PDB file of N, CA and C in Angstrom:
ATOM      1  N   MET A   1     -91.425   2.568 142.557  1.00  0.00           N
ATOM      2  CA  MET A   1     -92.230   1.441 142.947  1.00  0.00           C
ATOM      3  C   MET A   1     -92.770   1.598 144.365  1.00  0.00           C
ATOM      4  N   ALA A   2     -92.012   2.215 145.239  1.00  0.00           N
ATOM      5  CA  ALA A   2     -92.456   2.340 146.627  1.00  0.00           C
ATOM      6  C   ALA A   2     -93.692   3.218 146.730  1.00  0.00           C
ATOM      7  N   GLY A   3     -93.867   4.133 145.806  1.00  0.00           N
ATOM      8  CA  GLY A   3     -95.016   5.014 145.858  1.00  0.00           C
ATOM      9  C   GLY A   3     -96.227   4.471 145.109  1.00  0.00           C
ATOM     10  N   ASN A   4     -96.126   3.316 144.476  1.00  0.00           N
ATOM     11  CA  ASN A   4     -97.224   2.751 143.711  1.00  0.00           C
ATOM     12  C   ASN A   4     -98.166   2.000 144.657  1.00  0.00           C
ATOM     13  N   HIS A   5     -99.370   2.542 144.853  1.00  0.00           N
ATOM     14  CA  HIS A   5    -100.329   1.924 145.772  1.00  0.00           C
ATOM     15  C   HIS A   5    -101.536   1.366 145.042  1.00  0.00           C
ATOM     16  N   GLY A   6    -101.443   1.184 143.750  1.00  0.00           N
ATOM     17  CA  GLY A   6    -102.551   0.642 142.977  1.00  0.00           C
ATOM     18  C   GLY A   6    -102.651  -0.865 143.142  1.00  0.00           C
ATOM     19  N   PRO A   7    -103.686  -1.455 142.574  1.00  0.00           N
ATOM     20  CA  PRO A   7    -103.849  -2.910 142.683  1.00  0.00           C
ATOM     21  C   PRO A   7    -102.758  -3.647 141.916  1.00  0.00           C
ATOM     22  N   ALA A   8    -102.405  -4.799 142.397  1.00  0.00           N
ATOM     23  CA  ALA A   8    -101.399  -5.618 141.731  1.00  0.00           C
ATOM     24  C   ALA A   8    -101.976  -6.152 140.426  1.00  0.00           C
ATOM     25  N   VAL A   9    -101.169  -6.141 139.392  1.00  0.00           N
ATOM     26  CA  VAL A   9    -101.613  -6.612 138.091  1.00  0.00           C
ATOM     27  C   VAL A   9    -101.228  -8.085 137.966  1.00  0.00           C
ATOM     28  N   VAL A  10    -102.248  -8.934 137.873  1.00  0.00           N
ATOM     29  CA  VAL A  10    -102.035 -10.376 137.749  1.00  0.00           C
ATOM     30  C   VAL A  10    -102.909 -10.849 136.597  1.00  0.00           C
ATOM     31  N   SER A  11    -102.334 -11.662 135.746  1.00  0.00           N
ATOM     32  CA  SER A  11    -103.095 -12.137 134.598  1.00  0.00           C
ATOM     33  C   SER A  11    -104.151 -13.150 135.036  1.00  0.00           C
ATOM     34  N   ASP A  12    -105.247 -13.184 134.299  1.00  0.00           N
ATOM     35  CA  ASP A  12    -106.318 -14.132 134.589  1.00  0.00           C
ATOM     36  C   ASP A  12    -105.844 -15.566 134.413  1.00  0.00           C
ATOM     37  N   LYS A  13    -104.942 -15.784 133.483  1.00  0.00           N
ATOM     38  CA  LYS A  13    -104.413 -17.133 133.243  1.00  0.00           C
ATOM     39  C   LYS A  13    -103.679 -17.640 134.480  1.00  0.00           C
ATOM     40  N   LEU A  14    -102.863 -16.789 135.087  1.00  0.00           N
ATOM     41  CA  LEU A  14    -102.129 -17.176 136.285  1.00  0.00           C
ATOM     42  C   LEU A  14    -103.082 -17.473 137.437  1.00  0.00           C
ATOM     43  N   VAL A  15    -104.113 -16.678 137.576  1.00  0.00           N
ATOM     44  CA  VAL A  15    -105.099 -16.898 138.639  1.00  0.00           C
ATOM     45  C   VAL A  15    -105.820 -18.222 138.432  1.00  0.00           C
ATOM     46  N   LYS A  16    -106.204 -18.535 137.195  1.00  0.00           N
ATOM     47  CA  LYS A  16    -106.883 -19.804 136.893  1.00  0.00           C
ATOM     48  C   LYS A  16    -105.978 -20.999 137.187  1.00  0.00           C
ATOM     49  N   GLU A  17    -104.713 -20.918 136.773  1.00  0.00           N
ATOM     50  CA  GLU A  17    -103.783 -22.015 137.029  1.00  0.00           C
ATOM     51  C   GLU A  17    -103.600 -22.231 138.524  1.00  0.00           C
ATOM     52  N   HIS A  18    -103.490 -21.143 139.270  1.00  0.00           N
ATOM     53  CA  HIS A  18    -103.315 -21.253 140.716  1.00  0.00           C
ATOM     54  C   HIS A  18    -104.563 -21.866 141.355  1.00  0.00           C
ATOM     55  N   ALA A  19    -105.737 -21.435 140.926  1.00  0.00           N
ATOM     56  CA  ALA A  19    -106.986 -21.956 141.482  1.00  0.00           C
ATOM     57  C   ALA A  19    -107.150 -23.440 141.171  1.00  0.00           C
ATOM     58  N   GLU A  20    -106.802 -23.856 139.965  1.00  0.00           N
ATOM     59  CA  GLU A  20    -106.915 -25.274 139.599  1.00  0.00           C
ATOM     60  C   GLU A  20    -105.952 -26.126 140.422  1.00  0.00           C
ATOM     61  N   GLY A  21    -104.744 -25.627 140.596  1.00  0.00           N
ATOM     62  CA  GLY A  21    -103.763 -26.351 141.400  1.00  0.00           C
ATOM     63  C   GLY A  21    -104.189 -26.447 142.852  1.00  0.00           C
ATOM     64  N   TRP A  22    -104.754 -25.364 143.377  1.00  0.00           N
ATOM     65  CA  TRP A  22    -105.206 -25.356 144.763  1.00  0.00           C
ATOM     66  C   TRP A  22    -106.383 -26.309 144.935  1.00  0.00           C
ATOM     67  N   HIS A  23    -107.288 -26.346 143.976  1.00  0.00           N
ATOM     68  CA  HIS A  23    -108.438 -27.249 144.046  1.00  0.00           C
ATOM     69  C   HIS A  23    -107.966 -28.706 144.043  1.00  0.00           C
ATOM     70  N   ALA A  24    -107.010 -29.040 143.197  1.00  0.00           N
ATOM     71  CA  ALA A  24    -106.487 -30.408 143.141  1.00  0.00           C
ATOM     72  C   ALA A  24    -105.812 -30.781 144.458  1.00  0.00           C
ATOM     73  N   PHE A  25    -105.067 -29.860 145.039  1.00  0.00           N
ATOM     74  CA  PHE A  25    -104.385 -30.133 146.311  1.00  0.00           C
ATOM     75  C   PHE A  25    -105.384 -30.347 147.440  1.00  0.00           C
ATOM     76  N   THR A  26    -106.390 -29.503 147.529  1.00  0.00           N
ATOM     77  CA  THR A  26    -107.368 -29.659 148.607  1.00  0.00           C
ATOM     78  C   THR A  26    -108.176 -30.935 148.431  1.00  0.00           C
ATOM     79  N   ARG A  27    -108.454 -31.318 147.193  1.00  0.00           N
ATOM     80  CA  ARG A  27    -109.173 -32.574 146.955  1.00  0.00           C
ATOM     81  C   ARG A  27    -108.316 -33.764 147.386  1.00  0.00           C
ATOM     82  N   PHE A  28    -107.043 -33.746 147.027  1.00  0.00           N
ATOM     83  CA  PHE A  28    -106.114 -34.807 147.427  1.00  0.00           C
ATOM     84  C   PHE A  28    -106.007 -34.876 148.946  1.00  0.00           C
ATOM     85  N   THR A  29    -105.914 -33.729 149.603  1.00  0.00           N
ATOM     86  CA  THR A  29    -105.805 -33.688 151.058  1.00  0.00           C
ATOM     87  C   THR A  29    -107.077 -34.218 151.714  1.00  0.00           C
ATOM     88  N   THR A  30    -108.233 -33.839 151.181  1.00  0.00           N
ATOM     89  CA  THR A  30    -109.501 -34.309 151.731  1.00  0.00           C
ATOM     90  C   THR A  30    -109.605 -35.828 151.630  1.00  0.00           C
ATOM     91  N   ILE A  31    -109.262 -36.377 150.478  1.00  0.00           N
ATOM     92  CA  ILE A  31    -109.316 -37.829 150.303  1.00  0.00           C
ATOM     93  C   ILE A  31    -108.333 -38.511 151.255  1.00  0.00           C
ATOM     94  N   GLY A  32    -107.155 -37.934 151.424  1.00  0.00           N
ATOM     95  CA  GLY A  32    -106.166 -38.493 152.344  1.00  0.00           C
ATOM     96  C   GLY A  32    -106.644 -38.495 153.786  1.00  0.00           C
ATOM     97  N   VAL A  33    -107.259 -37.413 154.215  1.00  0.00           N
ATOM     98  CA  VAL A  33    -107.772 -37.330 155.587  1.00  0.00           C
ATOM     99  C   VAL A  33    -108.880 -38.361 155.798  1.00  0.00           C
ATOM    100  N   ILE A  34    -109.775 -38.484 154.830  1.00  0.00           N
ATOM    101  CA  ILE A  34    -110.856 -39.471 154.941  1.00  0.00           C
ATOM    102  C   ILE A  34    -110.277 -40.877 155.019  1.00  0.00           C
ATOM    103  N   ALA A  35    -109.275 -41.177 154.214  1.00  0.00           N
ATOM    104  CA  ALA A  35    -108.665 -42.506 154.230  1.00  0.00           C
ATOM    105  C   ALA A  35    -108.010 -42.804 155.582  1.00  0.00           C
ATOM    106  N   VAL A  36    -107.344 -41.835 156.165  1.00  0.00           N
ATOM    107  CA  VAL A  36    -106.704 -42.044 157.473  1.00  0.00           C
ATOM    108  C   VAL A  36    -107.760 -42.244 158.553  1.00  0.00           C
ATOM    109  N   VAL A  37    -108.839 -41.469 158.516  1.00  0.00           N
ATOM    110  CA  VAL A  37    -109.910 -41.632 159.497  1.00  0.00           C
ATOM    111  C   VAL A  37    -110.546 -43.018 159.366  1.00  0.00           C
ATOM    112  N   LEU A  38    -110.755 -43.474 158.141  1.00  0.00           N
ATOM    113  CA  LEU A  38    -111.307 -44.815 157.946  1.00  0.00           C
ATOM    114  C   LEU A  38    -110.364 -45.884 158.496  1.00  0.00           C
ATOM    115  N   PHE A  39    -109.079 -45.704 158.298  1.00  0.00           N
ATOM    116  CA  PHE A  39    -108.108 -46.658 158.836  1.00  0.00           C
ATOM    117  C   PHE A  39    -108.151 -46.678 160.361  1.00  0.00           C
ATOM    118  N   LEU A  40    -108.237 -45.506 160.978  1.00  0.00           N
ATOM    119  CA  LEU A  40    -108.307 -45.451 162.441  1.00  0.00           C
ATOM    120  C   LEU A  40    -109.600 -46.077 162.958  1.00  0.00           C
ATOM    121  N   LEU A  41    -110.699 -45.869 162.246  1.00  0.00           N
ATOM    122  CA  LEU A  41    -111.954 -46.521 162.620  1.00  0.00           C
ATOM    123  C   LEU A  41    -111.821 -48.035 162.518  1.00  0.00           C
ATOM    124  N   MET A  42    -111.140 -48.500 161.489  1.00  0.00           N
ATOM    125  CA  MET A  42    -110.926 -49.935 161.337  1.00  0.00           C
ATOM    126  C   MET A  42    -110.130 -50.480 162.518  1.00  0.00           C
ATOM    127  N   MET A  43    -109.119 -49.764 162.950  1.00  0.00           N
ATOM    128  CA  MET A  43    -108.331 -50.210 164.101  1.00  0.00           C
ATOM    129  C   MET A  43    -109.185 -50.242 165.371  1.00  0.00           C
ATOM    130  N   MET A  44    -110.041 -49.248 165.540  1.00  0.00           N
ATOM    131  CA  MET A  44    -110.915 -49.219 166.704  1.00  0.00           C
ATOM    132  C   MET A  44    -111.914 -50.379 166.650  1.00  0.00           C
ATOM    133  N   LEU A  45    -112.491 -50.626 165.485  1.00  0.00           N
ATOM    134  CA  LEU A  45    -113.434 -51.728 165.343  1.00  0.00           C
ATOM    135  C   LEU A  45    -112.764 -53.074 165.583  1.00  0.00           C
ATOM    136  N   HIS A  46    -111.514 -53.171 165.258  1.00  0.00           N
ATOM    137  CA  HIS A  46    -110.767 -54.410 165.457  1.00  0.00           C
ATOM    138  C   HIS A  46    -110.837 -54.844 166.929  1.00  0.00           C
ATOM    139  N   PHE A  47    -110.734 -53.905 167.833  1.00  0.00           N
ATOM    140  CA  PHE A  47    -110.753 -54.229 169.250  1.00  0.00           C
ATOM    141  C   PHE A  47    -112.152 -54.556 169.764  1.00  0.00           C
ATOM    142  N   PHE A  48    -113.183 -54.000 169.129  1.00  0.00           N
ATOM    143  CA  PHE A  48    -114.537 -54.176 169.640  1.00  0.00           C
ATOM    144  C   PHE A  48    -115.312 -55.316 168.973  1.00  0.00           C
ATOM    145  N   ILE A  49    -115.144 -55.517 167.683  1.00  0.00           N
ATOM    146  CA  ILE A  49    -115.975 -56.519 167.000  1.00  0.00           C
ATOM    147  C   ILE A  49    -115.171 -57.599 166.303  1.00  0.00           C
ATOM    148  N   GLY A  50    -113.888 -57.524 166.289  1.00  0.00           N
ATOM    149  CA  GLY A  50    -113.083 -58.565 165.668  1.00  0.00           C
ATOM    150  C   GLY A  50    -112.439 -58.110 164.368  1.00  0.00           C
ATOM    151  N   TRP A  51    -111.387 -58.815 164.018  1.00  0.00           N
ATOM    152  CA  TRP A  51    -110.562 -58.436 162.879  1.00  0.00           C
ATOM    153  C   TRP A  51    -111.298 -58.565 161.550  1.00  0.00           C
ATOM    154  N   GLY A  52    -112.053 -59.634 161.368  1.00  0.00           N
ATOM    155  CA  GLY A  52    -112.724 -59.879 160.086  1.00  0.00           C
ATOM    156  C   GLY A  52    -113.716 -58.793 159.729  1.00  0.00           C
ATOM    157  N   TYR A  53    -114.551 -58.403 160.698  1.00  0.00           N
ATOM    158  CA  TYR A  53    -115.534 -57.354 160.434  1.00  0.00           C
ATOM    159  C   TYR A  53    -114.855 -55.999 160.208  1.00  0.00           C
ATOM    160  N   ALA A  54    -113.781 -55.766 160.924  1.00  0.00           N
ATOM    161  CA  ALA A  54    -113.055 -54.509 160.741  1.00  0.00           C
ATOM    162  C   ALA A  54    -112.449 -54.432 159.343  1.00  0.00           C
ATOM    163  N   MET A  55    -111.894 -55.540 158.872  1.00  0.00           N
ATOM    164  CA  MET A  55    -111.328 -55.558 157.517  1.00  0.00           C
ATOM    165  C   MET A  55    -112.425 -55.383 156.467  1.00  0.00           C
ATOM    166  N   LEU A  56    -113.568 -56.026 156.699  1.00  0.00           N
ATOM    167  CA  LEU A  56    -114.693 -55.868 155.784  1.00  0.00           C
ATOM    168  C   LEU A  56    -115.116 -54.401 155.729  1.00  0.00           C
ATOM    169  N   PHE A  57    -115.210 -53.767 156.895  1.00  0.00           N
ATOM    170  CA  PHE A  57    -115.561 -52.341 156.948  1.00  0.00           C
ATOM    171  C   PHE A  57    -114.544 -51.509 156.180  1.00  0.00           C
ATOM    172  N   MET A  58    -113.247 -51.788 156.373  1.00  0.00           N
ATOM    173  CA  MET A  58    -112.215 -50.999 155.720  1.00  0.00           C
ATOM    174  C   MET A  58    -112.267 -51.166 154.206  1.00  0.00           C
ATOM    175  N   VAL A  59    -112.391 -52.400 153.739  1.00  0.00           N
ATOM    176  CA  VAL A  59    -112.419 -52.641 152.299  1.00  0.00           C
ATOM    177  C   VAL A  59    -113.642 -51.975 151.669  1.00  0.00           C
ATOM    178  N   LEU A  60    -114.808 -52.151 152.286  1.00  0.00           N
ATOM    179  CA  LEU A  60    -116.023 -51.535 151.737  1.00  0.00           C
ATOM    180  C   LEU A  60    -115.950 -50.008 151.764  1.00  0.00           C
ATOM    181  N   SER A  61    -115.415 -49.459 152.842  1.00  0.00           N
ATOM    182  CA  SER A  61    -115.346 -47.996 152.927  1.00  0.00           C
ATOM    183  C   SER A  61    -114.346 -47.426 151.921  1.00  0.00           C
ATOM    184  N   TYR A  62    -113.244 -48.135 151.664  1.00  0.00           N
ATOM    185  CA  TYR A  62    -112.292 -47.657 150.665  1.00  0.00           C
ATOM    186  C   TYR A  62    -112.865 -47.761 149.253  1.00  0.00           C
ATOM    187  N   VAL A  63    -113.674 -48.795 149.010  1.00  0.00           N
ATOM    188  CA  VAL A  63    -114.339 -48.907 147.706  1.00  0.00           C
ATOM    189  C   VAL A  63    -115.306 -47.742 147.523  1.00  0.00           C
ATOM    190  N   VAL A  64    -116.085 -47.434 148.557  1.00  0.00           N
ATOM    191  CA  VAL A  64    -117.020 -46.306 148.486  1.00  0.00           C
ATOM    192  C   VAL A  64    -116.257 -44.995 148.300  1.00  0.00           C
ATOM    193  N   LEU A  65    -115.150 -44.824 149.020  1.00  0.00           N
ATOM    194  CA  LEU A  65    -114.334 -43.613 148.881  1.00  0.00           C
ATOM    195  C   LEU A  65    -113.778 -43.489 147.466  1.00  0.00           C
ATOM    196  N   ALA A  66    -113.305 -44.580 146.898  1.00  0.00           N
ATOM    197  CA  ALA A  66    -112.765 -44.539 145.528  1.00  0.00           C
ATOM    198  C   ALA A  66    -113.851 -44.197 144.509  1.00  0.00           C
ATOM    199  N   ILE A  67    -115.021 -44.779 144.669  1.00  0.00           N
ATOM    200  CA  ILE A  67    -116.122 -44.470 143.748  1.00  0.00           C
ATOM    201  C   ILE A  67    -116.539 -43.011 143.887  1.00  0.00           C
ATOM    202  N   ALA A  68    -116.630 -42.516 145.126  1.00  0.00           N
ATOM    203  CA  ALA A  68    -116.995 -41.119 145.340  1.00  0.00           C
ATOM    204  C   ALA A  68    -115.944 -40.181 144.753  1.00  0.00           C
ATOM    205  N   ALA A  69    -114.675 -40.547 144.876  1.00  0.00           N
ATOM    206  CA  ALA A  69    -113.614 -39.706 144.308  1.00  0.00           C
ATOM    207  C   ALA A  69    -113.681 -39.691 142.787  1.00  0.00           C
ATOM    208  N   LEU A  70    -113.948 -40.850 142.199  1.00  0.00           N
ATOM    209  CA  LEU A  70    -114.040 -40.909 140.740  1.00  0.00           C
ATOM    210  C   LEU A  70    -115.241 -40.127 140.212  1.00  0.00           C
ATOM    211  N   LEU A  71    -116.332 -40.116 140.978  1.00  0.00           N
ATOM    212  CA  LEU A  71    -117.519 -39.364 140.565  1.00  0.00           C
ATOM    213  C   LEU A  71    -117.408 -37.876 140.884  1.00  0.00           C
ATOM    214  N   GLY A  72    -116.364 -37.504 141.610  1.00  0.00           N
ATOM    215  CA  GLY A  72    -116.156 -36.092 141.942  1.00  0.00           C
ATOM    216  C   GLY A  72    -116.959 -35.614 143.130  1.00  0.00           C
ATOM    217  N   LYS A  73    -117.429 -36.530 143.956  1.00  0.00           N
ATOM    218  CA  LYS A  73    -118.222 -36.152 145.126  1.00  0.00           C
ATOM    219  C   LYS A  73    -117.349 -35.774 146.312  1.00  0.00           C
ATOM    220  N   VAL A  74    -116.090 -36.139 146.265  1.00  0.00           N
ATOM    221  CA  VAL A  74    -115.165 -35.812 147.356  1.00  0.00           C
ATOM    222  C   VAL A  74    -114.159 -34.810 146.847  1.00  0.00           C
TER     223      VAL A  74
END
């Protein structure tokens, strides 16, 4: 085995499963990062424009994020 310098043999099925799992993880991570950024923006807006408008921004942005995630845009 130590002298074998050829390419590693990996089945296409294993590569597809790994790619699908990686795609799902990165999509979940992207949505999570966007949600945290929206929450931080809401906290910042709370100090500048008031609690009600900040909550409205957060609720609307989470609705848009959920719709975008369901449509596969995120």
